[in-house]
Amino acid sequence: MKVVIIGGTGLIGRKFATKLQAGGHQVVAASPSTGVNSLTGQGQAHPLPRRADRARTGIEQAKADWKAARFDSVPGETEFIPLPGPAPKVVSYP
């Protein structure tokens, strides 16, 4: 399996990469020192914005599920805690 490790040259990432390679995986270390900026996607052949879009979609689905009370209840809990409403409008003064 090909695995990309963001921070793969750091203290923990390097150790993790070594273990994965020992298990027969192909590892790519993504870090500023390898020319990859994981925040902007610069230096990546295939940036990750599609993953961010999927994450946003998942978050929106979870919010809809919560509002529709589609989650199992927690044993012993009787109170439903709603999600906070929209952020208040910013008022600017001249």
Foldseek 3Di string as FASTA:
>chain_A
DEEEDECCVDDVNVVVQVVVVVVVYHYHYAYVVQPADLVVRGPPPDHDVVVVVVVVVVVVVVLVCLVVVVDDDDPPDDDRDHDDDDDDDDDDDD
